[in-house]
Amino acid sequence: MGTVPYGGVAGVGCWTRGAQVTATWQDGSTWTTDVRDRLAENVNGGPGYVSDAWINTAGNTSQQTSSC
């Protein structure tokens, strides 16, 4: 669907729940969550979702914005 470079910026419009995902970051830390972030930008004409494990929002998106 698309990529954002490490350290790039992506807008998050809202969140929902999905399958649990564990991401391993470049510094070796891991984050496991079932939260999916809906990207504010449309991807291929529609909304795109990404696991919150891959988005550095400085916390859990479900505590920072409304659900979808």
PDB file of N, CA and C in Angstrom:
ATOM      1  N   MET A   1       0.812  -1.204   0.000  1.00  0.00           N
ATOM      2  CA  MET A   1       0.000   0.000   0.000  1.00  0.00           C
ATOM      3  C   MET A   1       0.845   1.253   0.000  1.00  0.00           C
ATOM      4  N   GLY A   2       1.925   1.258   0.774  1.00  0.00           N
ATOM      5  CA  GLY A   2       2.760   2.431   0.841  1.00  0.00           C
ATOM      6  C   GLY A   2       3.737   2.336   1.992  1.00  0.00           C
ATOM      7  N   THR A   3       4.666   3.262   2.041  1.00  0.00           N
ATOM      8  CA  THR A   3       5.662   3.282   3.107  1.00  0.00           C
ATOM      9  C   THR A   3       5.889   4.714   3.572  1.00  0.00           C
ATOM     10  N   VAL A   4       6.351   4.809   4.781  1.00  0.00           N
ATOM     11  CA  VAL A   4       6.817   6.072   5.339  1.00  0.00           C
ATOM     12  C   VAL A   4       8.214   5.779   5.857  1.00  0.00           C
ATOM     13  N   PRO A   5       9.197   6.577   5.503  1.00  0.00           N
ATOM     14  CA  PRO A   5      10.559   6.309   5.963  1.00  0.00           C
ATOM     15  C   PRO A   5      10.673   6.381   7.486  1.00  0.00           C
ATOM     16  N   TYR A   6      11.622   5.650   8.043  1.00  0.00           N
ATOM     17  CA  TYR A   6      11.875   5.683   9.478  1.00  0.00           C
ATOM     18  C   TYR A   6      12.075   7.133   9.895  1.00  0.00           C
ATOM     19  N   GLY A   7      11.338   7.575  10.882  1.00  0.00           N
ATOM     20  CA  GLY A   7      11.411   8.958  11.342  1.00  0.00           C
ATOM     21  C   GLY A   7      10.470   9.888  10.597  1.00  0.00           C
ATOM     22  N   GLY A   8       9.766   9.372   9.558  1.00  0.00           N
ATOM     23  CA  GLY A   8       8.822  10.185   8.798  1.00  0.00           C
ATOM     24  C   GLY A   8       7.556  10.458   9.602  1.00  0.00           C
ATOM     25  N   VAL A   9       6.691  11.281   9.055  1.00  0.00           N
ATOM     26  CA  VAL A   9       5.474  11.686   9.744  1.00  0.00           C
ATOM     27  C   VAL A   9       4.259  11.138   8.998  1.00  0.00           C
ATOM     28  N   ALA A  10       3.329  10.553   9.753  1.00  0.00           N
ATOM     29  CA  ALA A  10       2.057  10.086   9.209  1.00  0.00           C
ATOM     30  C   ALA A  10       0.959  10.531  10.159  1.00  0.00           C
ATOM     31  N   GLY A  11      -0.098  11.113   9.639  1.00  0.00           N
ATOM     32  CA  GLY A  11      -1.213  11.544  10.470  1.00  0.00           C
ATOM     33  C   GLY A  11      -2.120  10.383  10.836  1.00  0.00           C
ATOM     34  N   VAL A  12      -2.563  10.332  12.080  1.00  0.00           N
ATOM     35  CA  VAL A  12      -3.474   9.294  12.552  1.00  0.00           C
ATOM     36  C   VAL A  12      -4.825   9.949  12.820  1.00  0.00           C
ATOM     37  N   GLY A  13      -5.875   9.440  12.128  1.00  0.00           N
ATOM     38  CA  GLY A  13      -7.201  10.023  12.273  1.00  0.00           C
ATOM     39  C   GLY A  13      -8.017   9.410  13.396  1.00  0.00           C
ATOM     40  N   CYS A  14      -7.891   8.095  13.596  1.00  0.00           N
ATOM     41  CA  CYS A  14      -8.620   7.386  14.641  1.00  0.00           C
ATOM     42  C   CYS A  14      -8.009   5.993  14.766  1.00  0.00           C
ATOM     43  N   TRP A  15      -8.585   5.166  15.638  1.00  0.00           N
ATOM     44  CA  TRP A  15      -8.022   3.828  15.848  1.00  0.00           C
ATOM     45  C   TRP A  15      -9.138   2.791  15.968  1.00  0.00           C
ATOM     46  N   THR A  16      -8.769   1.523  15.762  1.00  0.00           N
ATOM     47  CA  THR A  16      -9.669   0.394  15.945  1.00  0.00           C
ATOM     48  C   THR A  16      -8.836  -0.791  16.430  1.00  0.00           C
ATOM     49  N   ARG A  17      -9.466  -1.895  16.717  1.00  0.00           N
ATOM     50  CA  ARG A  17      -8.738  -3.084  17.173  1.00  0.00           C
ATOM     51  C   ARG A  17      -8.646  -4.115  16.054  1.00  0.00           C
ATOM     52  N   GLY A  18      -7.569  -4.895  16.071  1.00  0.00           N
ATOM     53  CA  GLY A  18      -7.350  -5.954  15.091  1.00  0.00           C
ATOM     54  C   GLY A  18      -6.496  -7.040  15.712  1.00  0.00           C
ATOM     55  N   ALA A  19      -5.843  -7.815  14.875  1.00  0.00           N
ATOM     56  CA  ALA A  19      -4.952  -8.872  15.366  1.00  0.00           C
ATOM     57  C   ALA A  19      -3.768  -8.257  16.100  1.00  0.00           C
ATOM     58  N   GLN A  20      -3.285  -8.964  17.100  1.00  0.00           N
ATOM     59  CA  GLN A  20      -2.138  -8.492  17.870  1.00  0.00           C
ATOM     60  C   GLN A  20      -0.874  -8.579  17.017  1.00  0.00           C
ATOM     61  N   VAL A  21      -0.064  -7.531  17.061  1.00  0.00           N
ATOM     62  CA  VAL A  21       1.182  -7.437  16.295  1.00  0.00           C
ATOM     63  C   VAL A  21       2.305  -7.042  17.240  1.00  0.00           C
ATOM     64  N   THR A  22       3.484  -7.648  17.062  1.00  0.00           N
ATOM     65  CA  THR A  22       4.685  -7.245  17.783  1.00  0.00           C
ATOM     66  C   THR A  22       5.673  -6.683  16.774  1.00  0.00           C
ATOM     67  N   ALA A  23       6.119  -5.468  17.010  1.00  0.00           N
ATOM     68  CA  ALA A  23       7.111  -4.820  16.154  1.00  0.00           C
ATOM     69  C   ALA A  23       8.430  -4.740  16.910  1.00  0.00           C
ATOM     70  N   THR A  24       9.528  -4.967  16.214  1.00  0.00           N
ATOM     71  CA  THR A  24      10.859  -4.773  16.777  1.00  0.00           C
ATOM     72  C   THR A  24      11.463  -3.541  16.121  1.00  0.00           C
ATOM     73  N   TRP A  25      11.773  -2.545  16.940  1.00  0.00           N
ATOM     74  CA  TRP A  25      12.306  -1.280  16.448  1.00  0.00           C
ATOM     75  C   TRP A  25      13.819  -1.371  16.240  1.00  0.00           C
ATOM     76  N   GLN A  26      14.370  -0.373  15.550  1.00  0.00           N
ATOM     77  CA  GLN A  26      15.799  -0.357  15.231  1.00  0.00           C
ATOM     78  C   GLN A  26      16.681  -0.416  16.462  1.00  0.00           C
ATOM     79  N   ASP A  27      16.212   0.085  17.597  1.00  0.00           N
ATOM     80  CA  ASP A  27      17.022   0.061  18.819  1.00  0.00           C
ATOM     81  C   ASP A  27      16.890  -1.262  19.573  1.00  0.00           C
ATOM     82  N   GLY A  28      16.129  -2.224  19.009  1.00  0.00           N
ATOM     83  CA  GLY A  28      15.957  -3.528  19.630  1.00  0.00           C
ATOM     84  C   GLY A  28      14.755  -3.629  20.549  1.00  0.00           C
ATOM     85  N   SER A  29      14.102  -2.511  20.856  1.00  0.00           N
ATOM     86  CA  SER A  29      12.915  -2.550  21.703  1.00  0.00           C
ATOM     87  C   SER A  29      11.733  -3.131  20.929  1.00  0.00           C
ATOM     88  N   THR A  30      10.767  -3.667  21.660  1.00  0.00           N
ATOM     89  CA  THR A  30       9.579  -4.222  21.016  1.00  0.00           C
ATOM     90  C   THR A  30       8.319  -3.582  21.581  1.00  0.00           C
ATOM     91  N   TRP A  31       7.253  -3.612  20.803  1.00  0.00           N
ATOM     92  CA  TRP A  31       5.957  -3.099  21.213  1.00  0.00           C
ATOM     93  C   TRP A  31       4.916  -4.052  20.662  1.00  0.00           C
ATOM     94  N   THR A  32       4.039  -4.566  21.530  1.00  0.00           N
ATOM     95  CA  THR A  32       2.980  -5.479  21.125  1.00  0.00           C
ATOM     96  C   THR A  32       1.637  -4.831  21.420  1.00  0.00           C
ATOM     97  N   THR A  33       0.730  -4.840  20.434  1.00  0.00           N
ATOM     98  CA  THR A  33      -0.582  -4.220  20.605  1.00  0.00           C
ATOM     99  C   THR A  33      -1.565  -4.781  19.581  1.00  0.00           C
ATOM    100  N   ASP A  34      -2.846  -4.649  19.895  1.00  0.00           N
ATOM    101  CA  ASP A  34      -3.896  -5.000  18.929  1.00  0.00           C
ATOM    102  C   ASP A  34      -4.560  -3.745  18.361  1.00  0.00           C
ATOM    103  N   VAL A  35      -4.006  -2.570  18.653  1.00  0.00           N
ATOM    104  CA  VAL A  35      -4.540  -1.302  18.158  1.00  0.00           C
ATOM    105  C   VAL A  35      -4.063  -1.068  16.725  1.00  0.00           C
ATOM    106  N   ARG A  36      -5.001  -0.667  15.872  1.00  0.00           N
ATOM    107  CA  ARG A  36      -4.703  -0.307  14.486  1.00  0.00           C
ATOM    108  C   ARG A  36      -4.983   1.179  14.320  1.00  0.00           C
ATOM    109  N   ASP A  37      -4.038   1.913  13.760  1.00  0.00           N
ATOM    110  CA  ASP A  37      -4.199   3.347  13.516  1.00  0.00           C
ATOM    111  C   ASP A  37      -4.708   3.556  12.092  1.00  0.00           C
ATOM    112  N   ARG A  38      -5.783   4.350  11.970  1.00  0.00           N
ATOM    113  CA  ARG A  38      -6.271   4.719  10.641  1.00  0.00           C
ATOM    114  C   ARG A  38      -5.511   5.967  10.219  1.00  0.00           C
ATOM    115  N   LEU A  39      -4.813   5.867   9.114  1.00  0.00           N
ATOM    116  CA  LEU A  39      -4.018   6.993   8.638  1.00  0.00           C
ATOM    117  C   LEU A  39      -4.928   8.092   8.120  1.00  0.00           C
ATOM    118  N   ALA A  40      -4.580   9.325   8.402  1.00  0.00           N
ATOM    119  CA  ALA A  40      -5.380  10.465   7.984  1.00  0.00           C
ATOM    120  C   ALA A  40      -5.381  10.602   6.461  1.00  0.00           C
ATOM    121  N   GLU A  41      -4.319  10.170   5.802  1.00  0.00           N
ATOM    122  CA  GLU A  41      -4.233  10.247   4.348  1.00  0.00           C
ATOM    123  C   GLU A  41      -4.849   8.996   3.733  1.00  0.00           C
ATOM    124  N   ASN A  42      -5.568   9.133   2.625  1.00  0.00           N
ATOM    125  CA  ASN A  42      -6.105   7.973   1.929  1.00  0.00           C
ATOM    126  C   ASN A  42      -5.002   7.235   1.201  1.00  0.00           C
ATOM    127  N   VAL A  43      -5.110   5.911   1.174  1.00  0.00           N
ATOM    128  CA  VAL A  43      -4.149   5.054   0.495  1.00  0.00           C
ATOM    129  C   VAL A  43      -4.881   4.374  -0.656  1.00  0.00           C
ATOM    130  N   ASN A  44      -4.439   4.585  -1.879  1.00  0.00           N
ATOM    131  CA  ASN A  44      -5.087   4.012  -3.060  1.00  0.00           C
ATOM    132  C   ASN A  44      -6.580   4.322  -3.082  1.00  0.00           C
ATOM    133  N   GLY A  45      -6.970   5.529  -2.697  1.00  0.00           N
ATOM    134  CA  GLY A  45      -8.348   5.965  -2.761  1.00  0.00           C
ATOM    135  C   GLY A  45      -9.193   5.646  -1.544  1.00  0.00           C
ATOM    136  N   GLY A  46      -8.635   4.985  -0.550  1.00  0.00           N
ATOM    137  CA  GLY A  46      -9.407   4.630   0.645  1.00  0.00           C
ATOM    138  C   GLY A  46      -8.566   4.746   1.888  1.00  0.00           C
ATOM    139  N   PRO A  47      -9.195   4.532   3.044  1.00  0.00           N
ATOM    140  CA  PRO A  47      -8.445   4.647   4.294  1.00  0.00           C
ATOM    141  C   PRO A  47      -7.437   3.509   4.448  1.00  0.00           C
ATOM    142  N   GLY A  48      -6.318   3.812   5.028  1.00  0.00           N
ATOM    143  CA  GLY A  48      -5.295   2.809   5.293  1.00  0.00           C
ATOM    144  C   GLY A  48      -5.102   2.645   6.787  1.00  0.00           C
ATOM    145  N   TYR A  49      -4.853   1.421   7.207  1.00  0.00           N
ATOM    146  CA  TYR A  49      -4.627   1.119   8.616  1.00  0.00           C
ATOM    147  C   TYR A  49      -3.247   0.515   8.795  1.00  0.00           C
ATOM    148  N   VAL A  50      -2.621   0.796   9.931  1.00  0.00           N
ATOM    149  CA  VAL A  50      -1.326   0.223  10.267  1.00  0.00           C
ATOM    150  C   VAL A  50      -1.331  -0.097  11.758  1.00  0.00           C
ATOM    151  N   SER A  51      -0.616  -1.154  12.127  1.00  0.00           N
ATOM    152  CA  SER A  51      -0.538  -1.495  13.538  1.00  0.00           C
ATOM    153  C   SER A  51       0.130  -0.363  14.305  1.00  0.00           C
ATOM    154  N   ASP A  52      -0.440  -0.042  15.461  1.00  0.00           N
ATOM    155  CA  ASP A  52       0.148   0.983  16.326  1.00  0.00           C
ATOM    156  C   ASP A  52       1.550   0.581  16.794  1.00  0.00           C
ATOM    157  N   ALA A  53       1.868  -0.710  16.687  1.00  0.00           N
ATOM    158  CA  ALA A  53       3.205  -1.182  17.060  1.00  0.00           C
ATOM    159  C   ALA A  53       4.279  -0.551  16.174  1.00  0.00           C
ATOM    160  N   TRP A  54       3.908  -0.159  14.964  1.00  0.00           N
ATOM    161  CA  TRP A  54       4.875   0.406  14.012  1.00  0.00           C
ATOM    162  C   TRP A  54       4.871   1.931  13.979  1.00  0.00           C
ATOM    163  N   ILE A  55       3.963   2.557  14.713  1.00  0.00           N
ATOM    164  CA  ILE A  55       3.858   4.019  14.703  1.00  0.00           C
ATOM    165  C   ILE A  55       4.292   4.555  16.063  1.00  0.00           C
ATOM    166  N   ASN A  56       5.251   5.451  16.073  1.00  0.00           N
ATOM    167  CA  ASN A  56       5.725   6.038  17.320  1.00  0.00           C
ATOM    168  C   ASN A  56       4.837   7.235  17.662  1.00  0.00           C
ATOM    169  N   THR A  57       3.843   6.981  18.502  1.00  0.00           N
ATOM    170  CA  THR A  57       2.950   8.041  18.944  1.00  0.00           C
ATOM    171  C   THR A  57       3.237   8.442  20.383  1.00  0.00           C
ATOM    172  N   ALA A  58       4.352   7.967  20.910  1.00  0.00           N
ATOM    173  CA  ALA A  58       4.753   8.239  22.290  1.00  0.00           C
ATOM    174  C   ALA A  58       3.742   7.684  23.281  1.00  0.00           C
ATOM    175  N   GLY A  59       3.096   6.594  22.893  1.00  0.00           N
ATOM    176  CA  GLY A  59       2.118   5.949  23.770  1.00  0.00           C
ATOM    177  C   GLY A  59       1.097   5.168  22.975  1.00  0.00           C
ATOM    178  N   ASN A  60       0.054   4.759  23.612  1.00  0.00           N
ATOM    179  CA  ASN A  60      -1.004   3.975  23.017  1.00  0.00           C
ATOM    180  C   ASN A  60      -1.999   4.920  22.330  1.00  0.00           C
ATOM    181  N   THR A  61      -2.171   4.770  21.025  1.00  0.00           N
ATOM    182  CA  THR A  61      -3.071   5.656  20.281  1.00  0.00           C
ATOM    183  C   THR A  61      -4.483   5.637  20.851  1.00  0.00           C
ATOM    184  N   SER A  62      -4.927   4.489  21.404  1.00  0.00           N
ATOM    185  CA  SER A  62      -6.288   4.407  21.941  1.00  0.00           C
ATOM    186  C   SER A  62      -6.497   5.352  23.130  1.00  0.00           C
ATOM    187  N   GLN A  63      -5.439   5.878  23.691  1.00  0.00           N
ATOM    188  CA  GLN A  63      -5.537   6.835  24.798  1.00  0.00           C
ATOM    189  C   GLN A  63      -5.296   8.263  24.311  1.00  0.00           C
ATOM    190  N   GLN A  64      -5.026   8.424  22.999  1.00  0.00           N
ATOM    191  CA  GLN A  64      -4.686   9.743  22.469  1.00  0.00           C
ATOM    192  C   GLN A  64      -5.711  10.299  21.490  1.00  0.00           C
ATOM    193  N   THR A  65      -6.524   9.452  20.881  1.00  0.00           N
ATOM    194  CA  THR A  65      -7.493   9.908  19.892  1.00  0.00           C
ATOM    195  C   THR A  65      -8.739   9.032  19.965  1.00  0.00           C
ATOM    196  N   SER A  66      -9.777   9.392  19.266  1.00  0.00           N
ATOM    197  CA  SER A  66     -11.040   8.648  19.331  1.00  0.00           C
ATOM    198  C   SER A  66     -10.993   7.378  18.486  1.00  0.00           C
ATOM    199  N   SER A  67     -11.896   6.459  18.807  1.00  0.00           N
ATOM    200  CA  SER A  67     -11.997   5.233  18.016  1.00  0.00           C
ATOM    201  C   SER A  67     -12.726   5.524  16.711  1.00  0.00           C
ATOM    202  N   CYS A  68     -12.515   4.675  15.721  1.00  0.00           N
ATOM    203  CA  CYS A  68     -13.144   4.845  14.405  1.00  0.00           C
ATOM    204  C   CYS A  68     -14.580   4.365  14.434  1.00  0.00           C
TER     205      CYS A  68
END
